Amino acid sequence: MVGLACVLLLLQPGCATLETRQEEEIGRDASRELRRELDFVRDEWVVDYVEDIGRRIIAAAGPQPFEYHFYVVEDESLNAFALPAGYIYIHTAIILEAANVSELAGVIGHEVGHVALHHVARNYNRQRNTGIVYQLLSVVASIFVGGYAAAGGQMLGELAAVAYVNQFTREAEEEADAFAVEMLPKAGYDPNGLVTFFDTMKVQSGGDSGVPTFLSSHPATDDRIQSTAALIADATLVPGLRTDDGGQLEIIQRRIQLLTRRADAR
């Protein structure tokens, strides 16, 4: 029973968090590695456009312990991600697929939320502990299930370890969505852009996958649409929130197309 108690203790939320200094070190080191691995759009107009949206959201969130850095990655996959201590990466596909500035602001606000709420650092700790969780679960399975079920016990350990990390990820995604819904209006953007961009994600992915929800790294898209829409419905939104920005997004999208040599054939 001692082994089982250790496992349950490790599975509890609120594992030791990283200090600000540690987050900064991890973020800086990981960013340095990514500079060697990724293709960046370094055009000043494009980067400044994304950064301006990010700075508005950060200002709405209040004082932060980190200096944020925004990067645009030349990549056709619909993705964005954040590293500890404020390193935020937006794929060009996100910018090109955004129907308006509120959709792009929704994605950026979500990633700022991951940093501001220390999700990346907390998930780093969980992933670091996953190997320990897997080993302990395998031992527990061998004790309680016994001999011929050893292989099954190892599979149990693998599934439990995956679910352990991904459950945290789902919770973090929901919290980051809620953060964006709260901060976007304060920054002057219509939060409904986050919901409409979820619709785009769903179309692009062909709908929700058949992977069981508890093993999925993100909440099912339909669930996120419903929960985020409910948060917006409960919020008191001031009139005049920005959906578009007078054509600036369209200019940036065209600029990206030209810079990445994917302009429409004429």
C-alpha atoms as a PDB file:
ATOM      1  CA  MET A   1       0.000   0.000   0.000  1.00  0.00           C
ATOM      2  CA  VAL A   2       2.970   2.326   0.442  1.00  0.00           C
ATOM      3  CA  GLY A   3       3.599   2.252  -3.319  1.00  0.00           C
ATOM      4  CA  LEU A   4      -0.019   3.136  -4.064  1.00  0.00           C
ATOM      5  CA  ALA A   5       0.087   6.018  -1.595  1.00  0.00           C
ATOM      6  CA  CYS A   6       3.174   7.415  -3.341  1.00  0.00           C
ATOM      7  CA  VAL A   7       1.424   7.242  -6.699  1.00  0.00           C
ATOM      8  CA  LEU A   8      -1.673   9.007  -5.416  1.00  0.00           C
ATOM      9  CA  LEU A   9       0.492  11.699  -3.835  1.00  0.00           C
ATOM     10  CA  LEU A  10       2.286  12.339  -7.128  1.00  0.00           C
ATOM     11  CA  LEU A  11      -1.013  12.507  -8.988  1.00  0.00           C
ATOM     12  CA  GLN A  12      -2.345  15.289  -6.798  1.00  0.00           C
ATOM     13  CA  PRO A  13      -2.523  18.769  -8.384  1.00  0.00           C
ATOM     14  CA  GLY A  14      -0.275  21.478  -7.064  1.00  0.00           C
ATOM     15  CA  CYS A  15       3.084  19.770  -7.508  1.00  0.00           C
ATOM     16  CA  ALA A  16       6.087  21.909  -6.694  1.00  0.00           C
ATOM     17  CA  THR A  17       6.203  24.877  -9.012  1.00  0.00           C
ATOM     18  CA  LEU A  18       9.237  26.479 -10.558  1.00  0.00           C
ATOM     19  CA  GLU A  19      10.606  29.757  -9.271  1.00  0.00           C
ATOM     20  CA  THR A  20      10.595  32.772 -11.581  1.00  0.00           C
ATOM     21  CA  ARG A  21      14.333  32.473 -12.086  1.00  0.00           C
ATOM     22  CA  GLN A  22      13.971  28.816 -13.101  1.00  0.00           C
ATOM     23  CA  GLU A  23      11.176  29.648 -15.537  1.00  0.00           C
ATOM     24  CA  GLU A  24      13.361  32.317 -17.108  1.00  0.00           C
ATOM     25  CA  GLU A  25      16.267  29.907 -17.487  1.00  0.00           C
ATOM     26  CA  ILE A  26      14.124  27.199 -19.058  1.00  0.00           C
ATOM     27  CA  GLY A  27      12.389  29.652 -21.388  1.00  0.00           C
ATOM     28  CA  ARG A  28      15.651  31.249 -22.469  1.00  0.00           C
ATOM     29  CA  ASP A  29      17.376  27.907 -23.101  1.00  0.00           C
ATOM     30  CA  ALA A  30      14.409  26.465 -24.997  1.00  0.00           C
ATOM     31  CA  SER A  31      14.083  29.636 -27.073  1.00  0.00           C
ATOM     32  CA  ARG A  32      17.758  29.403 -27.978  1.00  0.00           C
ATOM     33  CA  GLU A  33      17.225  25.855 -29.228  1.00  0.00           C
ATOM     34  CA  LEU A  34      14.166  26.831 -31.236  1.00  0.00           C
ATOM     35  CA  ARG A  35      16.124  29.564 -32.996  1.00  0.00           C
ATOM     36  CA  ARG A  36      18.141  26.768 -34.562  1.00  0.00           C
ATOM     37  CA  GLU A  37      15.164  24.565 -35.371  1.00  0.00           C
ATOM     38  CA  LEU A  38      12.393  26.833 -36.662  1.00  0.00           C
ATOM     39  CA  ASP A  39      11.975  29.101 -39.668  1.00  0.00           C
ATOM     40  CA  PHE A  40      11.040  32.577 -38.478  1.00  0.00           C
ATOM     41  CA  VAL A  41       9.375  35.426 -40.296  1.00  0.00           C
ATOM     42  CA  ARG A  42      11.613  38.348 -39.408  1.00  0.00           C
ATOM     43  CA  ASP A  43       9.748  41.031 -41.308  1.00  0.00           C
ATOM     44  CA  GLU A  44       9.406  44.023 -38.997  1.00  0.00           C
ATOM     45  CA  TRP A  45       5.845  44.855 -40.067  1.00  0.00           C
ATOM     46  CA  VAL A  46       4.576  41.328 -39.434  1.00  0.00           C
ATOM     47  CA  VAL A  47       6.323  40.851 -36.090  1.00  0.00           C
ATOM     48  CA  ASP A  48       5.347  44.316 -34.849  1.00  0.00           C
ATOM     49  CA  TYR A  49       1.716  43.656 -35.765  1.00  0.00           C
ATOM     50  CA  VAL A  50       1.593  40.454 -33.702  1.00  0.00           C
ATOM     51  CA  GLU A  51       3.552  42.038 -30.870  1.00  0.00           C
ATOM     52  CA  ASP A  52       1.232  45.051 -30.708  1.00  0.00           C
ATOM     53  CA  ILE A  53      -1.770  42.770 -30.163  1.00  0.00           C
ATOM     54  CA  GLY A  54       0.156  40.858 -27.521  1.00  0.00           C
ATOM     55  CA  ARG A  55       1.257  44.025 -25.708  1.00  0.00           C
ATOM     56  CA  ARG A  56      -2.341  45.248 -25.488  1.00  0.00           C
ATOM     57  CA  ILE A  57      -3.407  41.990 -23.871  1.00  0.00           C
ATOM     58  CA  ILE A  58      -0.456  41.976 -21.467  1.00  0.00           C
ATOM     59  CA  ALA A  59      -1.264  45.548 -20.434  1.00  0.00           C
ATOM     60  CA  ALA A  60      -4.840  44.479 -19.731  1.00  0.00           C
ATOM     61  CA  ALA A  61      -3.579  41.618 -17.555  1.00  0.00           C
ATOM     62  CA  GLY A  62      -1.578  43.932 -15.306  1.00  0.00           C
ATOM     63  CA  PRO A  63       2.044  43.725 -14.086  1.00  0.00           C
ATOM     64  CA  GLN A  64       3.884  40.574 -15.144  1.00  0.00           C
ATOM     65  CA  PRO A  65       7.075  39.009 -13.737  1.00  0.00           C
ATOM     66  CA  PHE A  66       8.446  38.360 -17.232  1.00  0.00           C
ATOM     67  CA  GLU A  67       9.389  40.288 -20.335  1.00  0.00           C
ATOM     68  CA  TYR A  68       7.308  38.833 -23.167  1.00  0.00           C
ATOM     69  CA  HIS A  69       8.782  37.981 -26.564  1.00  0.00           C
ATOM     70  CA  PHE A  70       6.678  37.331 -29.664  1.00  0.00           C
ATOM     71  CA  TYR A  71       7.811  35.326 -32.684  1.00  0.00           C
ATOM     72  CA  VAL A  72       6.140  34.472 -35.986  1.00  0.00           C
ATOM     73  CA  VAL A  73       7.032  30.999 -37.240  1.00  0.00           C
ATOM     74  CA  GLU A  74       6.772  30.129 -40.919  1.00  0.00           C
ATOM     75  CA  ASP A  75       4.681  26.983 -40.666  1.00  0.00           C
ATOM     76  CA  GLU A  76       1.534  25.793 -42.444  1.00  0.00           C
ATOM     77  CA  SER A  77       0.176  23.947 -39.398  1.00  0.00           C
ATOM     78  CA  LEU A  78      -2.565  25.675 -37.437  1.00  0.00           C
ATOM     79  CA  ASN A  79      -0.692  26.113 -34.188  1.00  0.00           C
ATOM     80  CA  ALA A  80       0.668  28.518 -31.580  1.00  0.00           C
ATOM     81  CA  PHE A  81       2.567  27.765 -28.393  1.00  0.00           C
ATOM     82  CA  ALA A  82       4.320  29.359 -25.443  1.00  0.00           C
ATOM     83  CA  LEU A  83       7.468  28.658 -23.463  1.00  0.00           C
ATOM     84  CA  PRO A  84       8.038  29.524 -19.801  1.00  0.00           C
ATOM     85  CA  ALA A  85       8.728  33.177 -18.989  1.00  0.00           C
ATOM     86  CA  GLY A  86       6.892  34.757 -21.900  1.00  0.00           C
ATOM     87  CA  TYR A  87       8.233  33.340 -25.165  1.00  0.00           C
ATOM     88  CA  ILE A  88       5.225  33.133 -27.490  1.00  0.00           C
ATOM     89  CA  TYR A  89       5.245  31.640 -30.991  1.00  0.00           C
ATOM     90  CA  ILE A  90       2.493  32.142 -33.577  1.00  0.00           C
ATOM     91  CA  HIS A  91       2.524  30.077 -36.772  1.00  0.00           C
ATOM     92  CA  THR A  92       1.897  31.924 -40.024  1.00  0.00           C
ATOM     93  CA  ALA A  93      -1.044  29.569 -40.661  1.00  0.00           C
ATOM     94  CA  ILE A  94      -2.831  31.073 -37.648  1.00  0.00           C
ATOM     95  CA  ILE A  95      -2.430  34.584 -39.023  1.00  0.00           C
ATOM     96  CA  LEU A  96      -3.451  33.573 -42.542  1.00  0.00           C
ATOM     97  CA  GLU A  97      -6.542  31.676 -41.361  1.00  0.00           C
ATOM     98  CA  ALA A  98      -7.781  34.408 -39.017  1.00  0.00           C
ATOM     99  CA  ALA A  99     -10.918  35.998 -40.446  1.00  0.00           C
ATOM    100  CA  ASN A 100     -10.398  39.178 -38.423  1.00  0.00           C
ATOM    101  CA  VAL A 101      -8.178  40.675 -35.754  1.00  0.00           C
ATOM    102  CA  SER A 102     -10.390  39.462 -32.893  1.00  0.00           C
ATOM    103  CA  GLU A 103      -9.697  35.861 -33.919  1.00  0.00           C
ATOM    104  CA  LEU A 104      -5.944  36.412 -33.969  1.00  0.00           C
ATOM    105  CA  ALA A 105      -6.159  38.311 -30.665  1.00  0.00           C
ATOM    106  CA  GLY A 106      -8.065  35.358 -29.213  1.00  0.00           C
ATOM    107  CA  VAL A 107      -5.231  32.970 -30.036  1.00  0.00           C
ATOM    108  CA  ILE A 108      -2.582  35.360 -28.722  1.00  0.00           C
ATOM    109  CA  GLY A 109      -4.615  36.007 -25.568  1.00  0.00           C
ATOM    110  CA  HIS A 110      -4.870  32.277 -24.982  1.00  0.00           C
ATOM    111  CA  GLU A 111      -1.077  31.868 -25.217  1.00  0.00           C
ATOM    112  CA  VAL A 112      -0.451  34.867 -22.963  1.00  0.00           C
ATOM    113  CA  GLY A 113      -2.770  33.142 -20.499  1.00  0.00           C
ATOM    114  CA  HIS A 114      -0.603  30.038 -20.471  1.00  0.00           C
ATOM    115  CA  VAL A 115       2.397  32.154 -19.476  1.00  0.00           C
ATOM    116  CA  ALA A 116       0.630  34.455 -17.030  1.00  0.00           C
ATOM    117  CA  LEU A 117      -0.943  31.480 -15.243  1.00  0.00           C
ATOM    118  CA  HIS A 118       2.392  29.593 -15.218  1.00  0.00           C
ATOM    119  CA  HIS A 119       0.886  26.632 -17.078  1.00  0.00           C
ATOM    120  CA  VAL A 120       3.994  25.929 -19.103  1.00  0.00           C
ATOM    121  CA  ALA A 121       6.222  25.790 -16.053  1.00  0.00           C
ATOM    122  CA  ARG A 122       3.751  23.672 -14.100  1.00  0.00           C
ATOM    123  CA  ASN A 123       3.346  21.263 -16.997  1.00  0.00           C
ATOM    124  CA  TYR A 124       7.134  21.053 -17.266  1.00  0.00           C
ATOM    125  CA  ASN A 125       7.195  19.746 -13.705  1.00  0.00           C
ATOM    126  CA  ARG A 126       4.476  17.235 -14.488  1.00  0.00           C
ATOM    127  CA  GLN A 127       6.212  15.925 -17.569  1.00  0.00           C
ATOM    128  CA  ARG A 128       9.448  15.689 -15.607  1.00  0.00           C
ATOM    129  CA  ASN A 129       7.628  13.606 -12.994  1.00  0.00           C
ATOM    130  CA  THR A 130       5.833  11.383 -15.508  1.00  0.00           C
ATOM    131  CA  GLY A 131       8.697   8.885 -15.671  1.00  0.00           C
ATOM    132  CA  ILE A 132       8.494   8.468 -11.900  1.00  0.00           C
ATOM    133  CA  VAL A 133       4.715   8.034 -12.074  1.00  0.00           C
ATOM    134  CA  TYR A 134       5.061   5.390 -14.790  1.00  0.00           C
ATOM    135  CA  GLN A 135       7.622   3.393 -12.820  1.00  0.00           C
ATOM    136  CA  LEU A 136       5.559   3.500  -9.626  1.00  0.00           C
ATOM    137  CA  LEU A 137       2.357   2.514 -11.400  1.00  0.00           C
ATOM    138  CA  SER A 138       4.123  -0.435 -13.015  1.00  0.00           C
ATOM    139  CA  VAL A 139       5.357  -1.595  -9.600  1.00  0.00           C
ATOM    140  CA  VAL A 140       1.890  -1.214  -8.085  1.00  0.00           C
ATOM    141  CA  ALA A 141       0.321  -3.118 -10.984  1.00  0.00           C
ATOM    142  CA  SER A 142       2.799  -5.990 -10.589  1.00  0.00           C
ATOM    143  CA  ILE A 143       2.063  -6.183  -6.839  1.00  0.00           C
ATOM    144  CA  PHE A 144      -1.722  -6.155  -7.066  1.00  0.00           C
ATOM    145  CA  VAL A 145      -2.247  -7.849 -10.436  1.00  0.00           C
ATOM    146  CA  GLY A 146       0.680 -10.261 -10.415  1.00  0.00           C
ATOM    147  CA  GLY A 147       2.799 -12.397 -12.739  1.00  0.00           C
ATOM    148  CA  TYR A 148       1.084 -12.946 -16.081  1.00  0.00           C
ATOM    149  CA  ALA A 149      -0.411  -9.456 -16.060  1.00  0.00           C
ATOM    150  CA  ALA A 150       2.980  -7.740 -15.957  1.00  0.00           C
ATOM    151  CA  ALA A 151       2.738  -6.635 -19.594  1.00  0.00           C
ATOM    152  CA  GLY A 152      -0.740  -5.305 -18.931  1.00  0.00           C
ATOM    153  CA  GLY A 153       0.603  -3.505 -15.904  1.00  0.00           C
ATOM    154  CA  GLN A 154       3.197  -1.746 -18.051  1.00  0.00           C
ATOM    155  CA  MET A 155       0.464  -0.649 -20.438  1.00  0.00           C
ATOM    156  CA  LEU A 156      -1.525   0.624 -17.477  1.00  0.00           C
ATOM    157  CA  GLY A 157       1.503   2.631 -16.421  1.00  0.00           C
ATOM    158  CA  GLU A 158       1.902   4.162 -19.876  1.00  0.00           C
ATOM    159  CA  LEU A 159      -1.775   5.118 -20.146  1.00  0.00           C
ATOM    160  CA  ALA A 160      -1.860   6.538 -16.642  1.00  0.00           C
ATOM    161  CA  ALA A 161       1.262   8.615 -17.285  1.00  0.00           C
ATOM    162  CA  VAL A 162      -0.185  10.016 -20.521  1.00  0.00           C
ATOM    163  CA  ALA A 163      -3.516  10.759 -18.885  1.00  0.00           C
ATOM    164  CA  TYR A 164      -1.738  12.407 -15.955  1.00  0.00           C
ATOM    165  CA  VAL A 165       0.067  14.960 -18.120  1.00  0.00           C
ATOM    166  CA  ASN A 166      -2.822  15.473 -20.534  1.00  0.00           C
ATOM    167  CA  GLN A 167      -5.432  15.967 -17.837  1.00  0.00           C
ATOM    168  CA  PHE A 168      -3.368  18.870 -16.586  1.00  0.00           C
ATOM    169  CA  THR A 169      -3.107  20.144 -20.166  1.00  0.00           C
ATOM    170  CA  ARG A 170      -6.884  20.068 -20.620  1.00  0.00           C
ATOM    171  CA  GLU A 171      -7.373  22.014 -17.391  1.00  0.00           C
ATOM    172  CA  ALA A 172      -4.726  24.518 -18.483  1.00  0.00           C
ATOM    173  CA  GLU A 173      -6.375  24.954 -21.896  1.00  0.00           C
ATOM    174  CA  GLU A 174      -9.702  25.716 -20.268  1.00  0.00           C
ATOM    175  CA  GLU A 175      -8.071  28.193 -17.874  1.00  0.00           C
ATOM    176  CA  ALA A 176      -6.222  29.884 -20.753  1.00  0.00           C
ATOM    177  CA  ASP A 177      -9.500  30.189 -22.681  1.00  0.00           C
ATOM    178  CA  ALA A 178     -11.114  31.807 -19.648  1.00  0.00           C
ATOM    179  CA  PHE A 179      -8.130  34.151 -19.288  1.00  0.00           C
ATOM    180  CA  ALA A 180      -8.511  35.234 -22.925  1.00  0.00           C
ATOM    181  CA  VAL A 181     -12.248  35.820 -22.522  1.00  0.00           C
ATOM    182  CA  GLU A 182     -11.537  38.074 -19.531  1.00  0.00           C
ATOM    183  CA  MET A 183      -8.585  39.984 -20.994  1.00  0.00           C
ATOM    184  CA  LEU A 184      -9.653  40.492 -24.617  1.00  0.00           C
ATOM    185  CA  PRO A 185     -12.433  42.994 -23.780  1.00  0.00           C
ATOM    186  CA  LYS A 186     -10.061  44.870 -21.469  1.00  0.00           C
ATOM    187  CA  ALA A 187      -7.650  45.108 -24.399  1.00  0.00           C
ATOM    188  CA  GLY A 188     -10.455  46.327 -26.671  1.00  0.00           C
ATOM    189  CA  TYR A 189     -11.073  43.106 -28.633  1.00  0.00           C
ATOM    190  CA  ASP A 190     -14.292  41.148 -29.082  1.00  0.00           C
ATOM    191  CA  PRO A 191     -13.800  37.800 -27.279  1.00  0.00           C
ATOM    192  CA  ASN A 192     -16.195  36.077 -29.674  1.00  0.00           C
ATOM    193  CA  GLY A 193     -13.239  35.889 -32.050  1.00  0.00           C
ATOM    194  CA  LEU A 194     -11.885  33.058 -29.909  1.00  0.00           C
ATOM    195  CA  VAL A 195     -15.066  31.048 -30.472  1.00  0.00           C
ATOM    196  CA  THR A 196     -15.180  31.645 -34.211  1.00  0.00           C
ATOM    197  CA  PHE A 197     -11.538  30.627 -34.518  1.00  0.00           C
ATOM    198  CA  PHE A 198     -12.354  27.392 -32.701  1.00  0.00           C
ATOM    199  CA  ASP A 199     -14.833  26.767 -35.518  1.00  0.00           C
ATOM    200  CA  THR A 200     -11.984  27.220 -38.003  1.00  0.00           C
ATOM    201  CA  MET A 201      -9.830  24.787 -36.024  1.00  0.00           C
ATOM    202  CA  LYS A 202     -12.628  22.246 -36.068  1.00  0.00           C
ATOM    203  CA  VAL A 203     -13.061  22.504 -39.828  1.00  0.00           C
ATOM    204  CA  GLN A 204      -9.315  22.292 -40.434  1.00  0.00           C
ATOM    205  CA  SER A 205      -8.974  19.191 -38.243  1.00  0.00           C
ATOM    206  CA  GLY A 206     -11.998  17.487 -39.749  1.00  0.00           C
ATOM    207  CA  GLY A 207     -13.937  17.689 -36.514  1.00  0.00           C
ATOM    208  CA  ASP A 208     -13.117  16.213 -33.123  1.00  0.00           C
ATOM    209  CA  SER A 209     -10.883  13.151 -33.336  1.00  0.00           C
ATOM    210  CA  GLY A 210     -11.825   9.711 -32.079  1.00  0.00           C
ATOM    211  CA  VAL A 211      -9.154   9.796 -29.367  1.00  0.00           C
ATOM    212  CA  PRO A 212     -10.768   9.339 -25.923  1.00  0.00           C
ATOM    213  CA  THR A 213     -11.197  12.704 -24.240  1.00  0.00           C
ATOM    214  CA  PHE A 214      -9.143  11.744 -21.180  1.00  0.00           C
ATOM    215  CA  LEU A 215      -6.148  10.952 -23.425  1.00  0.00           C
ATOM    216  CA  SER A 216      -6.512  14.011 -25.634  1.00  0.00           C
ATOM    217  CA  SER A 217      -3.977  16.786 -25.102  1.00  0.00           C
ATOM    218  CA  HIS A 218      -6.668  19.442 -25.510  1.00  0.00           C
ATOM    219  CA  PRO A 219     -10.367  19.597 -24.689  1.00  0.00           C
ATOM    220  CA  ALA A 220     -12.560  18.446 -27.575  1.00  0.00           C
ATOM    221  CA  THR A 221     -13.230  21.402 -29.861  1.00  0.00           C
ATOM    222  CA  ASP A 222     -17.007  21.218 -29.387  1.00  0.00           C
ATOM    223  CA  ASP A 223     -16.509  21.314 -25.614  1.00  0.00           C
ATOM    224  CA  ARG A 224     -14.230  24.337 -25.893  1.00  0.00           C
ATOM    225  CA  ILE A 225     -16.668  26.156 -28.159  1.00  0.00           C
ATOM    226  CA  GLN A 226     -19.533  25.576 -25.750  1.00  0.00           C
ATOM    227  CA  SER A 227     -17.639  26.425 -22.579  1.00  0.00           C
ATOM    228  CA  THR A 228     -16.025  29.540 -24.048  1.00  0.00           C
ATOM    229  CA  ALA A 229     -19.314  30.748 -25.522  1.00  0.00           C
ATOM    230  CA  ALA A 230     -20.917  30.278 -22.098  1.00  0.00           C
ATOM    231  CA  LEU A 231     -18.215  32.380 -20.452  1.00  0.00           C
ATOM    232  CA  ILE A 232     -18.755  35.155 -22.987  1.00  0.00           C
ATOM    233  CA  ALA A 233     -22.529  34.992 -22.513  1.00  0.00           C
ATOM    234  CA  ASP A 234     -22.057  35.500 -18.767  1.00  0.00           C
ATOM    235  CA  ALA A 235     -19.665  38.424 -19.244  1.00  0.00           C
ATOM    236  CA  THR A 236     -20.738  42.064 -19.394  1.00  0.00           C
ATOM    237  CA  LEU A 237     -19.196  43.359 -22.611  1.00  0.00           C
ATOM    238  CA  VAL A 238     -18.894  47.050 -23.322  1.00  0.00           C
ATOM    239  CA  PRO A 239     -20.007  48.245 -26.763  1.00  0.00           C
ATOM    240  CA  GLY A 240     -17.490  49.021 -29.485  1.00  0.00           C
ATOM    241  CA  LEU A 241     -15.125  46.077 -28.980  1.00  0.00           C
ATOM    242  CA  ARG A 242     -12.918  45.548 -32.025  1.00  0.00           C
ATOM    243  CA  THR A 243     -13.617  42.758 -34.467  1.00  0.00           C
ATOM    244  CA  ASP A 244     -11.608  44.150 -37.362  1.00  0.00           C
ATOM    245  CA  ASP A 245      -8.823  46.690 -37.628  1.00  0.00           C
ATOM    246  CA  GLY A 246      -9.580  48.553 -40.807  1.00  0.00           C
ATOM    247  CA  GLY A 247      -7.775  46.177 -43.151  1.00  0.00           C
ATOM    248  CA  GLN A 248      -4.451  45.947 -41.294  1.00  0.00           C
ATOM    249  CA  LEU A 249      -4.768  42.191 -40.850  1.00  0.00           C
ATOM    250  CA  GLU A 250      -5.391  41.729 -44.567  1.00  0.00           C
ATOM    251  CA  ILE A 251      -2.234  43.714 -45.355  1.00  0.00           C
ATOM    252  CA  ILE A 252      -0.196  41.563 -42.967  1.00  0.00           C
ATOM    253  CA  GLN A 253      -1.676  38.378 -44.431  1.00  0.00           C
ATOM    254  CA  ARG A 254      -0.742  39.450 -47.945  1.00  0.00           C
ATOM    255  CA  ARG A 255       2.710  40.425 -46.772  1.00  0.00           C
ATOM    256  CA  ILE A 256       3.210  36.952 -45.261  1.00  0.00           C
ATOM    257  CA  GLN A 257       2.057  35.337 -48.485  1.00  0.00           C
ATOM    258  CA  LEU A 258       4.603  37.329 -50.466  1.00  0.00           C
ATOM    259  CA  LEU A 259       7.411  36.833 -47.964  1.00  0.00           C
ATOM    260  CA  THR A 260       6.888  33.072 -47.808  1.00  0.00           C
ATOM    261  CA  ARG A 261       6.505  32.825 -51.589  1.00  0.00           C
ATOM    262  CA  ARG A 262       3.011  31.430 -51.343  1.00  0.00           C
ATOM    263  CA  ALA A 263       1.291  34.329 -53.097  1.00  0.00           C
ATOM    264  CA  ASP A 264      -1.682  33.378 -55.245  1.00  0.00           C
ATOM    265  CA  ALA A 265      -0.670  32.525 -58.778  1.00  0.00           C
ATOM    266  CA  ARG A 266      -1.761  35.198 -61.220  1.00  0.00           C
END
